[in-house]
Amino acid sequence: MNFGYEPEHADAEKVNAFWEYVRGRGLGSPSTTIYAEMDRRGWFPASPEALNDEDLPAALERLVLDLSWLHVYLHATDHLPDRELYSQIFEHVHQNDTDLWPDDPGSAISISFISHGTDEELQIFLRYYADETEREWWKEHYPGLNMPIAELPPYPRPWVPDRPLFD
């Protein structure tokens, strides 16, 4: 599943401009990974098990803001409680060699917490994150789809740096 962003929605001109930019900048290979860069800067977060409930909110905010300094932006986080979100971010940083270009201010990595395309994630997207236009698209293209009632996510985090998803 791709949550409504099928190729017919892609603007060919924007796609071509993006790839021309990448080729023209000569970005080549990334210079480091999230894990290596956080370790190099001494920003490495505590393990989820090492944090008590009182310290967790501040540790989560620090981790998210530290990632934004590395041009790593998180999306679809507000349906997860703090401990689950912290654990998933921590696991992602430890287990994925996500490449970075930390010295390129125009670079960015987007990590979505509903990106595997499962039916459960589709329901989360439609319930908490889809706007009315997206919900209508799904209704039109998948008439038998169980459309959940739209509601606000239970764990709003207005402090999470906002960087648009790549178009």
C-alpha atoms as a PDB file:
ATOM      1  CA  MET A   1       0.000   0.000   0.000  1.00  0.00           C
ATOM      2  CA  ASN A   2       1.123   3.516  -0.605  1.00  0.00           C
ATOM      3  CA  PHE A   3      -1.555   5.539   1.195  1.00  0.00           C
ATOM      4  CA  GLY A   4      -2.937   7.232  -1.893  1.00  0.00           C
ATOM      5  CA  TYR A   5       0.252   8.529  -3.402  1.00  0.00           C
ATOM      6  CA  GLU A   6       0.269   6.429  -6.536  1.00  0.00           C
ATOM      7  CA  PRO A   7       2.319   7.367  -9.598  1.00  0.00           C
ATOM      8  CA  GLU A   8      -0.622   9.160 -11.189  1.00  0.00           C
ATOM      9  CA  HIS A   9      -0.334  11.716  -8.379  1.00  0.00           C
ATOM     10  CA  ALA A  10       3.339  12.424  -9.043  1.00  0.00           C
ATOM     11  CA  ASP A  11       4.179  15.629 -10.864  1.00  0.00           C
ATOM     12  CA  ALA A  12       6.651  14.485 -13.553  1.00  0.00           C
ATOM     13  CA  GLU A  13       8.229  17.929 -13.716  1.00  0.00           C
ATOM     14  CA  LYS A  14       8.938  17.925  -9.962  1.00  0.00           C
ATOM     15  CA  VAL A  15      10.311  14.388 -10.091  1.00  0.00           C
ATOM     16  CA  ASN A  16      12.662  15.306 -12.954  1.00  0.00           C
ATOM     17  CA  ALA A  17      13.727  18.534 -11.215  1.00  0.00           C
ATOM     18  CA  PHE A  18      14.521  16.570  -8.049  1.00  0.00           C
ATOM     19  CA  TRP A  19      16.746  14.081  -9.871  1.00  0.00           C
ATOM     20  CA  GLU A  20      18.481  16.851 -11.811  1.00  0.00           C
ATOM     21  CA  TYR A  21      19.195  18.565  -8.507  1.00  0.00           C
ATOM     22  CA  VAL A  22      20.638  15.375  -7.025  1.00  0.00           C
ATOM     23  CA  ARG A  23      22.826  14.737 -10.064  1.00  0.00           C
ATOM     24  CA  GLY A  24      23.911  18.386 -10.322  1.00  0.00           C
ATOM     25  CA  ARG A  25      24.898  18.650  -6.667  1.00  0.00           C
ATOM     26  CA  GLY A  26      27.077  15.585  -6.974  1.00  0.00           C
ATOM     27  CA  LEU A  27      25.852  14.380  -3.614  1.00  0.00           C
ATOM     28  CA  GLY A  28      27.319  10.990  -4.331  1.00  0.00           C
ATOM     29  CA  SER A  29      27.586   8.726  -1.349  1.00  0.00           C
ATOM     30  CA  PRO A  30      26.314   9.837   2.038  1.00  0.00           C
ATOM     31  CA  SER A  31      29.005  10.834   4.485  1.00  0.00           C
ATOM     32  CA  THR A  32      27.772   8.985   7.572  1.00  0.00           C
ATOM     33  CA  THR A  33      24.831   7.226   9.240  1.00  0.00           C
ATOM     34  CA  ILE A  34      22.465   8.480  11.940  1.00  0.00           C
ATOM     35  CA  TYR A  35      24.045   6.162  14.510  1.00  0.00           C
ATOM     36  CA  ALA A  36      27.624   7.172  13.673  1.00  0.00           C
ATOM     37  CA  GLU A  37      26.829  10.893  13.580  1.00  0.00           C
ATOM     38  CA  MET A  38      24.954  10.859  16.892  1.00  0.00           C
ATOM     39  CA  ASP A  39      27.797   8.910  18.470  1.00  0.00           C
ATOM     40  CA  ARG A  40      30.394  11.314  17.009  1.00  0.00           C
ATOM     41  CA  ARG A  41      28.534  14.299  18.454  1.00  0.00           C
ATOM     42  CA  GLY A  42      28.018  12.642  21.846  1.00  0.00           C
ATOM     43  CA  TRP A  43      24.232  12.843  21.488  1.00  0.00           C
ATOM     44  CA  PHE A  44      23.518   9.196  21.870  1.00  0.00           C
ATOM     45  CA  PRO A  45      20.230   8.571  23.699  1.00  0.00           C
ATOM     46  CA  ALA A  46      19.708   6.367  26.716  1.00  0.00           C
ATOM     47  CA  SER A  47      18.095   2.995  26.132  1.00  0.00           C
ATOM     48  CA  PRO A  48      14.323   2.973  26.694  1.00  0.00           C
ATOM     49  CA  GLU A  49      14.733   0.584  29.627  1.00  0.00           C
ATOM     50  CA  ALA A  50      17.088   3.041  31.370  1.00  0.00           C
ATOM     51  CA  LEU A  51      14.467   5.805  31.419  1.00  0.00           C
ATOM     52  CA  ASN A  52      11.845   6.099  34.126  1.00  0.00           C
ATOM     53  CA  ASP A  53       8.423   7.570  33.361  1.00  0.00           C
ATOM     54  CA  GLU A  54       9.400  10.975  34.770  1.00  0.00           C
ATOM     55  CA  ASP A  55      12.501  11.367  32.572  1.00  0.00           C
ATOM     56  CA  LEU A  56      10.980   9.930  29.404  1.00  0.00           C
ATOM     57  CA  PRO A  57       9.192  13.044  28.007  1.00  0.00           C
ATOM     58  CA  ALA A  58      12.329  15.198  28.183  1.00  0.00           C
ATOM     59  CA  ALA A  59      14.476  12.408  26.720  1.00  0.00           C
ATOM     60  CA  LEU A  60      12.013  11.945  23.858  1.00  0.00           C
ATOM     61  CA  GLU A  61      11.968  15.656  23.085  1.00  0.00           C
ATOM     62  CA  ARG A  62      15.782  15.818  23.176  1.00  0.00           C
ATOM     63  CA  LEU A  63      16.070  12.815  20.849  1.00  0.00           C
ATOM     64  CA  VAL A  64      13.589  14.229  18.329  1.00  0.00           C
ATOM     65  CA  LEU A  65      15.262  17.661  18.366  1.00  0.00           C
ATOM     66  CA  ASP A  66      18.747  16.132  18.089  1.00  0.00           C
ATOM     67  CA  LEU A  67      17.581  14.197  15.035  1.00  0.00           C
ATOM     68  CA  SER A  68      16.249  17.388  13.477  1.00  0.00           C
ATOM     69  CA  TRP A  69      19.717  18.939  13.823  1.00  0.00           C
ATOM     70  CA  LEU A  70      20.870  16.058  11.605  1.00  0.00           C
ATOM     71  CA  HIS A  71      18.074  16.822   9.102  1.00  0.00           C
ATOM     72  CA  VAL A  72      16.068  13.768  10.211  1.00  0.00           C
ATOM     73  CA  TYR A  73      12.352  14.527  10.473  1.00  0.00           C
ATOM     74  CA  LEU A  74       9.654  12.313  11.931  1.00  0.00           C
ATOM     75  CA  HIS A  75       6.120  11.927  10.623  1.00  0.00           C
ATOM     76  CA  ALA A  76       2.982  10.236  11.930  1.00  0.00           C
ATOM     77  CA  THR A  77       4.126  10.149  15.546  1.00  0.00           C
ATOM     78  CA  ASP A  78       1.085  11.448  17.388  1.00  0.00           C
ATOM     79  CA  HIS A  79      -0.775   8.135  17.610  1.00  0.00           C
ATOM     80  CA  LEU A  80       2.042   6.564  19.659  1.00  0.00           C
ATOM     81  CA  PRO A  81       2.508   6.975  23.423  1.00  0.00           C
ATOM     82  CA  ASP A  82       5.859   8.482  24.448  1.00  0.00           C
ATOM     83  CA  ARG A  83       7.549   5.228  25.478  1.00  0.00           C
ATOM     84  CA  GLU A  84       6.538   3.397  22.313  1.00  0.00           C
ATOM     85  CA  LEU A  85       7.674   6.283  20.107  1.00  0.00           C
ATOM     86  CA  TYR A  86      10.983   6.604  21.962  1.00  0.00           C
ATOM     87  CA  SER A  87      11.560   2.849  21.682  1.00  0.00           C
ATOM     88  CA  GLN A  88      10.821   2.818  17.958  1.00  0.00           C
ATOM     89  CA  ILE A  89      13.129   5.777  17.283  1.00  0.00           C
ATOM     90  CA  PHE A  90      15.868   4.210  19.418  1.00  0.00           C
ATOM     91  CA  GLU A  91      15.496   0.899  17.593  1.00  0.00           C
ATOM     92  CA  HIS A  92      15.528   2.622  14.196  1.00  0.00           C
ATOM     93  CA  VAL A  93      18.731   4.504  15.028  1.00  0.00           C
ATOM     94  CA  HIS A  94      20.420   1.334  16.310  1.00  0.00           C
ATOM     95  CA  GLN A  95      19.271  -1.169  13.696  1.00  0.00           C
ATOM     96  CA  ASN A  96      19.152   0.826  10.462  1.00  0.00           C
ATOM     97  CA  ASP A  97      22.130   2.241   8.663  1.00  0.00           C
ATOM     98  CA  THR A  98      20.174   5.281   7.524  1.00  0.00           C
ATOM     99  CA  ASP A  99      22.537   7.414   5.510  1.00  0.00           C
ATOM    100  CA  LEU A 100      23.009  11.137   6.142  1.00  0.00           C
ATOM    101  CA  TRP A 101      24.514  14.191   4.559  1.00  0.00           C
ATOM    102  CA  PRO A 102      24.758  16.242   7.815  1.00  0.00           C
ATOM    103  CA  ASP A 103      26.761  19.061   6.248  1.00  0.00           C
ATOM    104  CA  ASP A 104      24.253  19.656   3.442  1.00  0.00           C
ATOM    105  CA  PRO A 105      21.535  22.004   4.767  1.00  0.00           C
ATOM    106  CA  GLY A 106      19.267  21.055   1.854  1.00  0.00           C
ATOM    107  CA  SER A 107      19.277  17.361   2.697  1.00  0.00           C
ATOM    108  CA  ALA A 108      16.634  15.684   4.818  1.00  0.00           C
ATOM    109  CA  ILE A 109      15.553  12.234   5.865  1.00  0.00           C
ATOM    110  CA  SER A 110      11.880  11.572   6.562  1.00  0.00           C
ATOM    111  CA  ILE A 111      10.931   8.720   8.856  1.00  0.00           C
ATOM    112  CA  SER A 112       7.256   7.834   9.031  1.00  0.00           C
ATOM    113  CA  PHE A 113       5.838   5.605  11.729  1.00  0.00           C
ATOM    114  CA  ILE A 114       3.155   4.297   9.379  1.00  0.00           C
ATOM    115  CA  SER A 115       5.243   3.410   6.350  1.00  0.00           C
ATOM    116  CA  HIS A 116       5.042  -0.370   6.042  1.00  0.00           C
ATOM    117  CA  GLY A 117       1.729  -0.380   4.199  1.00  0.00           C
ATOM    118  CA  THR A 118      -0.108  -2.759   6.502  1.00  0.00           C
ATOM    119  CA  ASP A 119      -3.879  -2.676   6.832  1.00  0.00           C
ATOM    120  CA  GLU A 120      -3.469  -1.541  10.449  1.00  0.00           C
ATOM    121  CA  GLU A 121      -1.273   1.390   9.384  1.00  0.00           C
ATOM    122  CA  LEU A 122      -3.750   2.349   6.676  1.00  0.00           C
ATOM    123  CA  GLN A 123      -6.454   2.534   9.327  1.00  0.00           C
ATOM    124  CA  ILE A 124      -4.172   4.698  11.513  1.00  0.00           C
ATOM    125  CA  PHE A 125      -3.453   6.992   8.553  1.00  0.00           C
ATOM    126  CA  LEU A 126      -7.130   7.344   7.666  1.00  0.00           C
ATOM    127  CA  ARG A 127      -8.177   7.875  11.281  1.00  0.00           C
ATOM    128  CA  TYR A 128      -5.541  10.347  12.460  1.00  0.00           C
ATOM    129  CA  TYR A 129      -3.597  11.832   9.576  1.00  0.00           C
ATOM    130  CA  ALA A 130      -5.578  11.850   6.319  1.00  0.00           C
ATOM    131  CA  ASP A 131      -7.266  15.076   5.360  1.00  0.00           C
ATOM    132  CA  GLU A 132     -10.739  15.075   3.795  1.00  0.00           C
ATOM    133  CA  THR A 133      -9.350  15.012   0.235  1.00  0.00           C
ATOM    134  CA  GLU A 134      -7.258  11.924   0.999  1.00  0.00           C
ATOM    135  CA  ARG A 135     -10.175  10.203   2.719  1.00  0.00           C
ATOM    136  CA  GLU A 136     -12.373  10.907  -0.326  1.00  0.00           C
ATOM    137  CA  TRP A 137      -9.703   9.458  -2.619  1.00  0.00           C
ATOM    138  CA  TRP A 138      -9.683   6.241  -0.632  1.00  0.00           C
ATOM    139  CA  LYS A 139     -13.481   6.041  -0.587  1.00  0.00           C
ATOM    140  CA  GLU A 140     -13.608   6.500  -4.369  1.00  0.00           C
ATOM    141  CA  HIS A 141     -10.843   4.037  -5.234  1.00  0.00           C
ATOM    142  CA  TYR A 142     -11.657   1.403  -2.579  1.00  0.00           C
ATOM    143  CA  PRO A 143     -15.439   1.496  -2.031  1.00  0.00           C
ATOM    144  CA  GLY A 144     -15.392  -1.583   0.225  1.00  0.00           C
ATOM    145  CA  LEU A 145     -12.780  -0.116   2.550  1.00  0.00           C
ATOM    146  CA  ASN A 146     -13.737   0.163   6.210  1.00  0.00           C
ATOM    147  CA  MET A 147     -13.334   3.930   6.665  1.00  0.00           C
ATOM    148  CA  PRO A 148     -12.647   4.838  10.303  1.00  0.00           C
ATOM    149  CA  ILE A 149     -14.082   7.970  11.864  1.00  0.00           C
ATOM    150  CA  ALA A 150     -11.578  10.824  11.595  1.00  0.00           C
ATOM    151  CA  GLU A 151     -10.260  11.937  14.956  1.00  0.00           C
ATOM    152  CA  LEU A 152      -7.369  13.858  16.449  1.00  0.00           C
ATOM    153  CA  PRO A 153      -4.347  11.760  17.425  1.00  0.00           C
ATOM    154  CA  PRO A 154      -4.227  10.990  21.161  1.00  0.00           C
ATOM    155  CA  TYR A 155      -0.644  12.213  21.755  1.00  0.00           C
ATOM    156  CA  PRO A 156      -0.196  15.596  20.030  1.00  0.00           C
ATOM    157  CA  ARG A 157       3.384  16.813  19.934  1.00  0.00           C
ATOM    158  CA  PRO A 158       3.444  20.379  18.577  1.00  0.00           C
ATOM    159  CA  TRP A 159       7.157  20.621  19.403  1.00  0.00           C
ATOM    160  CA  VAL A 160       8.164  18.036  16.774  1.00  0.00           C
ATOM    161  CA  PRO A 161       9.961  19.990  14.021  1.00  0.00           C
ATOM    162  CA  ASP A 162       7.820  20.159  10.939  1.00  0.00           C
ATOM    163  CA  ARG A 163       9.428  19.518   7.595  1.00  0.00           C
ATOM    164  CA  PRO A 164       7.159  18.718   4.677  1.00  0.00           C
ATOM    165  CA  LEU A 165       7.227  15.230   3.250  1.00  0.00           C
ATOM    166  CA  PHE A 166       8.995  15.065  -0.080  1.00  0.00           C
ATOM    167  CA  ASP A 167       6.622  15.716  -2.991  1.00  0.00           C
END
